[in-house]
Protein backbone atom coordinates (compact mmCIF):
# COMPACT_ATOMS: atom_id res chain seq x y z
CA UNK A 1 163.35 42.10 -134.19
CA UNK A 2 160.46 40.29 -132.60
CA UNK A 3 156.91 40.91 -133.63
CA UNK A 4 154.70 42.82 -131.07
CA UNK A 5 153.04 39.48 -130.33
CA UNK A 6 155.98 38.27 -128.63
CA UNK A 7 157.21 41.30 -126.96
CA UNK A 8 157.43 40.67 -123.12
CA UNK A 9 155.43 43.10 -120.99
CA UNK A 10 158.56 44.35 -119.29
CA UNK A 11 159.62 45.50 -122.73
CA UNK A 12 156.72 47.90 -123.64
CA UNK A 13 158.26 50.96 -124.22
CA UNK A 14 157.95 53.26 -121.19
CA UNK A 15 155.95 55.99 -123.03
CA UNK A 16 153.00 53.96 -123.20
CA UNK A 17 153.04 53.64 -119.29
CA UNK A 18 153.21 57.31 -119.16
CA UNK A 19 150.25 57.79 -121.69
CA UNK A 20 148.05 55.53 -119.39
CA UNK A 21 149.21 57.52 -116.59
CA UNK A 22 147.83 60.57 -118.34
CA UNK A 23 144.57 59.38 -119.39
CA UNK A 24 143.95 58.06 -115.50
CA UNK A 25 144.78 61.58 -114.67
CA UNK A 26 142.46 63.24 -117.49
CA UNK A 27 139.45 61.11 -116.42
CA UNK A 28 139.96 60.92 -112.97
CA UNK A 29 141.32 58.10 -110.68
CA UNK A 30 137.66 56.51 -109.72
CA UNK A 31 136.42 57.04 -113.19
CA UNK A 32 139.39 55.31 -114.59
CA UNK A 33 139.35 52.55 -112.41
CA UNK A 34 135.52 51.83 -112.40
CA UNK A 35 136.14 51.56 -116.52
CA UNK A 36 138.41 48.53 -115.65
CA UNK A 37 136.16 47.09 -113.20
CA UNK A 38 138.10 48.48 -110.05
CA UNK A 39 136.17 50.07 -107.40
CA UNK A 40 137.89 49.15 -104.01
CA UNK A 41 141.33 50.26 -102.62
CA UNK A 42 144.28 48.48 -103.67
CA UNK A 43 146.66 46.98 -100.87
CA UNK A 44 149.86 47.73 -103.47
CA UNK A 45 149.23 51.22 -105.12
CA UNK A 46 151.86 52.30 -107.95
CA UNK A 47 153.19 55.80 -107.28
CA UNK A 48 154.54 58.04 -109.81
CA UNK A 49 155.68 61.60 -109.08
CA UNK A 50 154.41 61.34 -105.77
CA UNK A 51 150.59 60.10 -107.05
CA UNK A 52 149.19 56.92 -106.45
CA UNK A 53 147.79 54.47 -109.11
CA UNK A 54 146.00 51.35 -109.40
CA UNK A 55 148.27 48.96 -111.17
CA UNK A 56 145.48 46.68 -112.37
CA UNK A 57 144.13 49.74 -114.62
CA UNK A 58 147.38 51.18 -115.55
CA UNK A 59 148.48 47.69 -116.92
CA UNK A 60 145.57 47.26 -118.61
CA UNK A 61 145.40 50.77 -119.97
CA UNK A 62 149.02 50.24 -121.27
CA UNK A 63 148.51 47.12 -122.89
CA UNK A 64 145.34 48.26 -124.81
CA UNK A 65 147.24 51.57 -126.27
CA UNK A 66 150.35 49.48 -127.03
CA UNK A 67 148.17 46.59 -128.86
CA UNK A 68 146.19 49.71 -130.75
CA UNK A 69 149.54 51.33 -132.21
CA UNK A 70 150.55 47.87 -133.40
CA UNK A 71 147.52 46.16 -134.61
CA UNK A 72 148.31 43.27 -132.17
CA UNK A 73 147.15 41.09 -129.42
CA UNK A 74 149.67 40.47 -126.94
CA UNK A 75 149.96 36.71 -125.53
CA UNK A 76 150.27 38.13 -121.89
CA UNK A 77 147.39 40.72 -121.78
CA UNK A 78 145.02 38.77 -119.40
CA UNK A 79 147.33 38.53 -116.37
CA UNK A 80 145.23 38.59 -113.24
CA UNK A 81 147.52 37.85 -109.94
CA UNK A 82 148.30 40.51 -107.40
CA UNK A 83 151.67 41.41 -105.87
CA UNK A 84 152.09 37.95 -104.45
CA UNK A 85 152.05 36.29 -108.12
CA UNK A 86 155.64 36.03 -109.46
CA UNK A 87 154.30 37.54 -112.58
CA UNK A 88 150.91 39.06 -111.59
CA UNK A 89 149.75 42.89 -112.64
CA UNK A 90 151.41 44.61 -109.83
CA UNK A 91 154.73 43.01 -110.13
CA UNK A 92 155.01 43.81 -114.00
CA UNK A 93 154.09 47.21 -113.24
CA UNK A 94 156.74 47.50 -110.85
CA UNK A 95 159.25 46.21 -113.26
CA UNK A 96 158.44 48.77 -115.58
CA UNK A 97 160.21 51.01 -112.87
CA UNK A 98 157.51 52.65 -110.90
CA UNK A 99 157.53 52.24 -106.95
CA UNK A 100 155.05 50.00 -105.50
CA UNK A 101 153.65 50.65 -101.77
CA UNK A 102 152.35 48.35 -99.27
CA UNK A 103 149.81 50.16 -97.52
CA UNK A 104 149.48 48.17 -94.70
CA UNK A 105 152.96 48.96 -93.76
CA UNK A 106 153.69 52.30 -95.30
CA UNK A 107 156.87 50.98 -96.97
CA UNK A 108 157.77 50.80 -100.40
CA UNK A 109 158.26 47.12 -101.99
CA UNK A 110 160.83 45.88 -104.50
CA UNK A 111 159.13 43.35 -107.23
CA UNK A 112 162.42 42.34 -108.35
CA UNK A 113 162.86 40.55 -104.91
CA UNK A 114 160.30 38.18 -106.06
CA UNK A 115 161.08 37.87 -110.02
CA UNK A 116 161.81 33.96 -109.99
CA UNK A 117 159.60 31.19 -107.84
CA UNK A 118 161.77 28.71 -105.61
CA UNK A 119 161.83 25.27 -107.37
CA UNK A 120 159.34 22.57 -105.48
CA UNK A 121 160.57 19.12 -105.78
CA UNK A 122 157.78 17.06 -106.80
CA UNK A 123 157.81 14.74 -103.88
CA UNK A 124 157.70 17.84 -101.60
CA UNK A 125 153.76 17.77 -101.45
CA UNK A 126 153.57 20.44 -98.46
CA UNK A 127 155.25 23.05 -100.25
CA UNK A 128 153.64 22.11 -103.71
CA UNK A 129 150.36 22.51 -101.76
CA UNK A 130 151.23 25.76 -100.26
CA UNK A 131 152.60 27.00 -103.76
CA UNK A 132 149.36 26.05 -105.56
CA UNK A 133 147.02 27.10 -102.80
CA UNK A 134 148.66 30.62 -102.69
CA UNK A 135 148.08 31.01 -106.59
CA UNK A 136 144.45 29.82 -106.22
CA UNK A 137 143.99 32.75 -103.56
CA UNK A 138 145.18 35.31 -106.04
CA UNK A 139 142.71 34.08 -108.20
CA UNK A 140 139.67 34.22 -106.18
CA UNK A 141 139.65 37.81 -106.80
CA UNK A 142 138.47 37.40 -110.18
CA UNK A 143 134.68 36.68 -111.27
CA UNK A 144 133.55 32.99 -110.93
CA UNK A 145 131.95 32.97 -114.44
CA UNK A 146 135.32 34.33 -115.96
CA UNK A 147 137.45 31.54 -113.75
CA UNK A 148 134.65 28.82 -114.96
CA UNK A 149 135.17 30.05 -118.77
CA UNK A 150 138.72 29.53 -118.47
CA UNK A 151 138.82 25.90 -116.88
CA UNK A 152 135.78 24.99 -119.69
CA UNK A 153 138.47 26.08 -122.30
CA UNK A 154 141.10 23.40 -121.21
CA UNK A 155 138.67 20.41 -121.88
CA UNK A 156 138.55 17.24 -119.96
CA UNK A 157 141.70 16.42 -117.66
CA UNK A 158 142.76 13.27 -119.31
CA UNK A 159 143.07 15.13 -122.62
CA UNK A 160 145.58 17.49 -120.99
CA UNK A 161 149.15 16.46 -121.83
CA UNK A 162 151.04 19.78 -120.85
CA UNK A 163 152.27 20.11 -117.23
CA UNK A 164 151.97 23.74 -117.12
CA UNK A 165 148.23 23.61 -118.64
CA UNK A 166 147.43 20.76 -116.06
CA UNK A 167 149.03 23.16 -113.15
CA UNK A 168 147.02 26.13 -114.49
CA UNK A 169 143.71 24.46 -114.25
CA UNK A 170 144.43 22.75 -110.89
CA UNK A 171 145.11 25.99 -109.59
CA UNK A 172 141.74 27.67 -111.11
CA UNK A 173 139.69 24.84 -109.84
CA UNK A 174 141.06 25.26 -106.27
CA UNK A 175 140.31 29.07 -106.88
CA UNK A 176 136.47 28.02 -107.37
CA UNK A 177 136.41 25.56 -104.81
CA UNK A 178 137.76 28.50 -102.26
CA UNK A 179 134.96 30.95 -103.81
CA UNK A 180 132.25 28.46 -103.33
CA UNK A 181 133.28 28.01 -99.60
CA UNK A 182 133.13 31.41 -99.14
CA UNK A 183 135.50 31.68 -95.80
CA UNK A 184 133.72 28.56 -94.13
CA UNK A 185 134.82 24.86 -93.86
CA UNK A 186 132.66 22.85 -96.08
CA UNK A 187 132.50 20.10 -93.47
CA UNK A 188 132.47 21.71 -90.09
CA UNK A 189 130.65 24.84 -90.94
CA UNK A 190 133.13 27.17 -89.10
CA UNK A 191 134.74 30.26 -90.43
CA UNK A 192 138.31 29.95 -91.18
CA UNK A 193 140.14 30.34 -88.02
CA UNK A 194 142.75 32.91 -89.70
CA UNK A 195 143.49 34.81 -92.92
CA UNK A 196 146.40 34.67 -94.70
CA UNK A 197 149.24 37.60 -95.11
CA UNK A 198 146.96 38.69 -98.19
CA UNK A 199 143.91 39.05 -96.27
CA UNK A 200 142.25 35.74 -97.70
CA UNK A 201 140.62 33.21 -95.27
CA UNK A 202 142.75 30.37 -94.83
CA UNK A 203 141.10 26.77 -96.02
CA UNK A 204 142.82 23.72 -97.59
CA UNK A 205 141.22 22.08 -100.82
CA UNK A 206 140.75 18.40 -100.04
CA UNK A 207 140.35 15.81 -102.83
CA UNK A 208 137.35 13.73 -101.68
CA UNK A 209 138.51 10.67 -103.76
CA UNK A 210 142.28 10.71 -103.93
CA UNK A 211 144.07 11.50 -106.80
CA UNK A 212 146.30 8.30 -106.05
CA UNK A 213 142.82 6.35 -105.93
CA UNK A 214 141.88 7.75 -109.43
CA UNK A 215 140.28 10.52 -108.14
CA UNK A 216 140.21 13.65 -110.58
CA UNK A 217 140.70 17.27 -110.11
CA UNK A 218 137.36 18.45 -110.68
CA UNK A 219 134.72 20.71 -108.71
CA UNK A 220 132.44 17.32 -108.03
CA UNK A 221 135.80 15.80 -106.15
CA UNK A 222 137.25 18.90 -104.20
CA UNK A 223 136.23 20.79 -101.31
CA UNK A 224 137.48 23.63 -99.28
CA UNK A 225 137.67 22.49 -95.34
CA UNK A 226 139.78 23.86 -92.09
CA UNK A 227 143.33 22.38 -91.44
CA UNK A 228 141.47 20.43 -88.54
CA UNK A 229 139.33 18.82 -90.67
CA UNK A 230 141.67 18.13 -93.27
CA UNK A 231 143.91 16.74 -90.70
CA UNK A 232 141.02 14.58 -89.07
CA UNK A 233 140.16 13.16 -92.48
CA UNK A 234 143.47 12.08 -93.13
CA UNK A 235 144.69 10.75 -89.74
CA UNK A 236 141.93 10.84 -87.24
CA UNK A 237 140.09 7.71 -85.90
CA UNK A 238 136.73 8.34 -87.63
CA UNK A 239 138.26 9.84 -90.79
CA UNK A 240 136.57 7.69 -93.18
CA UNK A 241 133.44 8.46 -91.89
CA UNK A 242 134.18 12.44 -92.11
CA UNK A 243 134.97 11.75 -95.76
CA UNK A 244 131.74 9.99 -96.52
CA UNK A 245 130.20 13.09 -95.07
CA UNK A 246 132.02 15.31 -97.01
CA UNK A 247 131.40 13.73 -100.02
CA UNK A 248 127.57 14.03 -99.38
CA UNK A 249 127.89 17.54 -98.75
CA UNK A 250 129.83 18.06 -101.99
CA UNK A 251 126.98 16.35 -103.72
CA UNK A 252 124.45 18.52 -102.64
CA UNK A 253 126.54 21.48 -103.56
CA UNK A 254 126.97 20.35 -106.64
CA UNK A 255 123.48 19.49 -107.53
CA UNK A 256 122.49 22.97 -106.16
CA UNK A 257 125.22 24.92 -108.22
CA UNK A 258 123.19 26.35 -111.09
CA UNK A 259 124.87 28.76 -113.62
CA UNK A 260 123.21 32.24 -113.60
CA UNK A 261 121.71 31.96 -117.28
CA UNK A 262 118.26 32.18 -117.88
CA UNK A 263 116.01 29.53 -117.04
CA UNK A 264 118.11 27.78 -114.55
CA UNK A 265 117.46 27.80 -110.61
CA UNK A 266 119.19 31.13 -110.02
CA UNK A 267 116.81 32.79 -112.55
CA UNK A 268 113.79 31.19 -111.39
CA UNK A 269 114.45 31.44 -107.47
CA UNK A 270 111.59 33.43 -106.57
CA UNK A 271 110.63 35.76 -104.21
CA UNK A 272 109.72 34.68 -100.65
CA UNK A 273 106.01 33.33 -100.84
CA UNK A 274 104.92 34.97 -97.78
CA UNK A 275 105.59 39.01 -98.14
CA UNK A 276 105.48 41.30 -95.19
CA UNK A 277 102.05 43.00 -94.70
CA UNK A 278 100.56 46.21 -96.19
CA UNK A 279 101.76 45.20 -99.59
CA UNK A 280 105.70 46.02 -98.80
CA UNK A 281 108.27 45.13 -101.49
CA UNK A 282 110.51 44.12 -98.69
CA UNK A 283 110.97 40.38 -98.30
CA UNK A 284 113.85 40.40 -95.69
CA UNK A 285 113.19 43.09 -93.18
CA UNK A 286 116.26 44.92 -92.20
CA UNK A 287 117.78 44.38 -88.67
CA UNK A 288 117.86 47.92 -87.18
CA UNK A 289 119.98 48.30 -83.74
CA UNK A 290 118.61 49.65 -80.50
CA UNK A 291 121.00 52.50 -80.74
CA UNK A 292 120.64 53.12 -84.46
CA UNK A 293 117.79 56.02 -84.28
CA UNK A 294 119.40 57.90 -81.45
CA UNK A 295 122.68 58.65 -83.66
CA UNK A 296 123.81 61.31 -86.05
CA UNK A 297 125.06 59.00 -88.00
CA UNK A 298 122.52 56.39 -89.49
CA UNK A 299 124.82 53.94 -91.19
CA UNK A 300 123.16 50.55 -92.85
CA UNK A 301 125.64 47.66 -94.10
CA UNK A 302 124.07 46.79 -97.25
CA UNK A 303 124.74 42.81 -97.90
CA UNK A 304 124.01 40.68 -101.18
CA UNK A 305 121.52 37.82 -100.54
CA UNK A 306 120.24 35.44 -98.18
CA UNK A 307 120.57 31.54 -99.03
CA UNK A 308 118.13 28.70 -98.07
CA UNK A 309 115.55 29.36 -95.29
CA UNK A 310 117.32 30.63 -92.10
CA UNK A 311 113.99 31.23 -90.34
CA UNK A 312 110.29 29.97 -90.23
CA UNK A 313 109.30 33.44 -90.74
CA UNK A 314 111.33 34.38 -93.98
CA UNK A 315 110.65 38.28 -93.33
CA UNK A 316 112.74 38.00 -89.80
CA UNK A 317 115.72 36.04 -91.83
CA UNK A 318 118.11 39.05 -91.46
CA UNK A 319 117.44 39.63 -87.81
CA UNK A 320 117.58 35.74 -87.22
CA UNK A 321 121.21 36.06 -88.65
CA UNK A 322 122.25 38.73 -86.62
CA UNK A 323 120.70 37.26 -83.39
CA UNK A 324 122.35 33.87 -83.94
CA UNK A 325 125.67 35.46 -84.67
CA UNK A 326 125.40 37.30 -81.43
CA UNK A 327 124.75 34.11 -79.31
CA UNK A 328 127.38 32.23 -81.27
CA UNK A 329 124.71 29.89 -82.71
CA UNK A 330 126.15 30.31 -85.97
CA UNK A 331 129.75 31.25 -87.14
CA UNK A 332 128.97 34.18 -89.97
CA UNK A 333 132.54 35.51 -90.83
CA UNK A 334 130.91 38.16 -92.50
CA UNK A 335 129.31 39.70 -89.37
CA UNK A 336 132.54 39.10 -87.27
CA UNK A 337 134.53 41.14 -90.21
CA UNK A 338 131.98 43.84 -90.34
CA UNK A 339 131.91 44.32 -86.39
CA UNK A 340 135.92 44.75 -86.69
CA UNK A 341 135.81 47.13 -89.85
CA UNK A 342 133.03 49.14 -88.26
CA UNK A 343 134.60 49.04 -84.72
CA UNK A 344 138.16 49.29 -85.58
CA UNK A 345 138.95 46.40 -83.30
CA UNK A 346 140.48 43.21 -83.46
CA UNK A 347 138.33 40.02 -83.27
CA UNK A 348 138.82 39.01 -79.14
CA UNK A 349 138.23 42.63 -78.60
CA UNK A 350 134.57 42.66 -80.05
CA UNK A 351 131.34 42.24 -77.58
CA UNK A 352 128.74 40.48 -80.00
CA UNK A 353 125.85 41.40 -77.53
CA UNK A 354 126.68 45.29 -78.74
CA UNK A 355 128.78 45.62 -81.51
CA UNK A 356 126.10 45.99 -83.99
CA UNK A 357 123.52 48.29 -81.72
CA UNK A 358 124.28 51.44 -83.62
CA UNK A 359 123.81 50.23 -87.23
CA UNK A 360 121.37 48.53 -89.29
CA UNK A 361 121.93 45.46 -91.77
CA UNK A 362 119.95 44.83 -94.98
CA UNK A 363 120.46 42.53 -97.84
CA UNK A 364 119.65 44.33 -100.88
CA UNK A 365 118.55 41.03 -103.08
CA UNK A 366 114.92 40.04 -102.14
CA UNK A 367 114.68 36.90 -103.35
CA UNK A 368 116.43 33.73 -101.45
CA UNK A 369 119.12 31.87 -103.34
CA UNK A 370 118.72 28.20 -102.60
CA UNK A 371 122.36 27.66 -101.85
CA UNK A 372 125.54 30.01 -100.96
CA UNK A 373 126.94 29.18 -104.76
CA UNK A 374 123.60 30.24 -106.62
CA UNK A 375 124.40 33.83 -107.45
CA UNK A 376 121.48 36.55 -107.92
CA UNK A 377 120.96 37.75 -111.44
CA UNK A 378 120.77 41.34 -112.66
CA UNK A 379 117.17 41.17 -113.15
CA UNK A 380 116.61 39.83 -109.60
CA UNK A 381 118.81 43.20 -108.72
CA UNK A 382 116.65 45.27 -110.51
CA UNK A 383 113.41 43.82 -108.98
CA UNK A 384 114.83 44.65 -105.47
CA UNK A 385 115.16 48.34 -105.82
CA UNK A 386 111.56 49.08 -104.96
CA UNK A 387 112.26 47.53 -101.44
CA UNK A 388 115.51 48.97 -101.17
CA UNK A 389 113.89 52.48 -101.48
CA UNK A 390 111.14 51.64 -98.80
CA UNK A 391 114.21 50.74 -96.33
CA UNK A 392 115.75 54.31 -97.45
CA UNK A 393 112.06 56.00 -96.63
CA UNK A 394 111.42 54.38 -93.68
CA UNK A 395 114.96 54.18 -91.96
CA UNK A 396 116.56 57.72 -93.18
CA UNK A 397 120.16 56.13 -93.16
CA UNK A 398 123.07 58.95 -93.50
CA UNK A 399 125.42 56.24 -94.91
CA UNK A 400 125.30 53.12 -96.95
CA UNK A 401 128.24 50.49 -96.71
CA UNK A 402 127.78 48.47 -99.38
CA UNK A 403 129.68 45.08 -98.75
CA UNK A 404 130.12 44.20 -102.34
CA UNK A 405 132.51 46.11 -104.84
CA UNK A 406 131.53 43.74 -107.81
CA UNK A 407 128.14 42.48 -108.70
CA UNK A 408 126.07 44.31 -106.08
CA UNK A 409 127.79 47.83 -106.39
CA UNK A 410 127.08 47.60 -110.17
CA UNK A 411 123.37 46.28 -109.91
CA UNK A 412 122.55 48.84 -107.44
CA UNK A 413 120.53 51.94 -108.62
CA UNK A 414 122.46 54.62 -110.10
CA UNK A 415 123.27 58.10 -107.72
CA UNK A 416 120.28 60.25 -107.09
CA UNK A 417 122.67 63.46 -107.78
CA UNK A 418 126.22 64.10 -109.27
CA UNK A 419 128.84 63.07 -106.79
CA UNK A 420 132.45 63.38 -106.78
CA UNK A 421 134.69 60.48 -105.56
CA UNK A 422 135.75 60.51 -101.87
CA UNK A 423 139.56 60.19 -100.49
CA UNK A 424 139.26 57.76 -97.59
CA UNK A 425 142.28 55.97 -96.16
CA UNK A 426 144.49 57.14 -98.72
CA UNK A 427 142.52 55.49 -101.39
CA UNK A 428 139.52 56.81 -104.13
CA UNK A 429 136.08 55.25 -103.56
CA UNK A 430 133.11 55.60 -106.00
CA UNK A 431 130.46 57.65 -104.22
CA UNK A 432 126.73 57.60 -104.79
CA UNK A 433 124.04 59.36 -102.98
CA UNK A 434 120.33 58.24 -102.38
CA UNK A 435 117.60 60.34 -101.53
CA UNK A 436 116.33 60.06 -97.95
CA UNK A 437 113.47 61.82 -95.66
CA UNK A 438 116.07 64.11 -94.10
CA UNK A 439 118.17 64.71 -97.46
CA UNK A 440 120.55 61.95 -99.15
CA UNK A 441 122.50 58.74 -97.75
CA UNK A 442 126.19 58.60 -98.98
CA UNK A 443 126.90 55.06 -100.30
CA UNK A 444 130.42 53.99 -100.98
CA UNK A 445 131.59 50.11 -102.11
CA UNK A 446 134.21 47.73 -100.03
CA UNK A 447 134.89 44.42 -100.57
CA UNK A 448 132.40 41.36 -99.61
CA UNK A 449 133.44 40.89 -95.95
CA UNK A 450 133.30 36.95 -95.98
CA UNK A 451 136.65 37.11 -97.84
CA UNK A 452 137.85 40.71 -96.41
CA UNK A 453 140.54 41.78 -94.52
CA UNK A 454 139.36 43.78 -91.51
CA UNK A 455 142.48 45.94 -91.19
CA UNK A 456 142.76 46.96 -94.69
CA UNK A 457 139.39 48.68 -94.35
CA UNK A 458 139.33 49.86 -91.01
CA UNK A 459 140.93 53.23 -91.56
CA UNK A 460 138.65 53.82 -94.76
CA UNK A 461 135.35 53.27 -92.89
CA UNK A 462 136.24 55.37 -90.14
CA UNK A 463 136.90 58.09 -92.55
CA UNK A 464 133.74 57.26 -94.03
CA UNK A 465 131.53 57.86 -91.22
CA UNK A 466 132.85 61.19 -90.71
CA UNK A 467 131.57 62.34 -93.93
CA UNK A 468 128.38 64.73 -93.99
CA UNK A 469 126.07 63.57 -96.72
């Protein structure tokens, strides 16, 4: 009989899954999911007795219960991938015998259809690339620091002998490069022209120095670029020149990416030097649409932070971003997806001139980040609380749509009163209420819109706007 450490995940007795489900019911789904870091809806919920649950949370609770009873640590306890990974968490839960629902189609899916991956010949570069890229896209949902730790644990690439280990490291590196690019080509800076079936912006990972020319799989040699730039580099007349330009951009990116540790650039990046008048704590004044104050629903979209200096007057940075998105000077995927989510439309149906007229837009962190790759710290978030309260007092919102269900949501102030989760679009959302001059503003978290698929959030956000605080 195998030891507990060797028990395949699919062989965990059914009773442990049922105990996990019961614990979720007792605690409440929103609180239960939050305890496992899951705040946003899942595209593929599991269904038991007509009730939906989040596979990731149920999986982790099941493993925890089993390990507790057996005094063991299972080898595969840290599975991360979603339904599109052949051994991802959602599929394992499905193979435990529970129905998995595809929320985009309303139909149940069968995880057994995807148990094994198709074998790919070593010389079939396109298929190999597609396979690695899809797995990398699955991994981009993880926290960057978590991926970095796993990459570092592999050690230098030249010391890796196992093909399985080498594949895993390569895939994680691609995931980090895609995270850093944040949905925009690192060469031309245009937004990804489409999203994949899983809702991720489609970019391709390019090695600045080819592997065949002794290049390495490492962040200093990899960039996420659009298919057009990728083909231009490989086959275009000025391909070498473009590759040289990309190499300079990657070198600059690497130089300016700092870990979020005390004493690094990320923590030393200070509040902008010229604060607004009247001793305000607000470094980046919010954009307020011309019709915002005339509506019963005063919704402010909350983003995370600004990077670099988009304007000579930093106080106007947020408004400048909106203005340059409107006139198409800048391609900003975040605002394009935001407009689609808020209006329930497709990209080509959006009129940029008026799309954001009814809302406000405010970046929570009141410190400038040197590049898009440098993340704010929890201390910087706490130091931004006073400015957030000023915005609430001045603009009296009724709804706050927080575009960031991880770091941003976790580091915003706690709710000013007790609240119950909201059921929106068939999913549970944690809710916080913040005091305003006219009462309270209701806040919920959604995904960061630079990496989100608009259709996945449109129904939930439409229903959110009908909630009365």
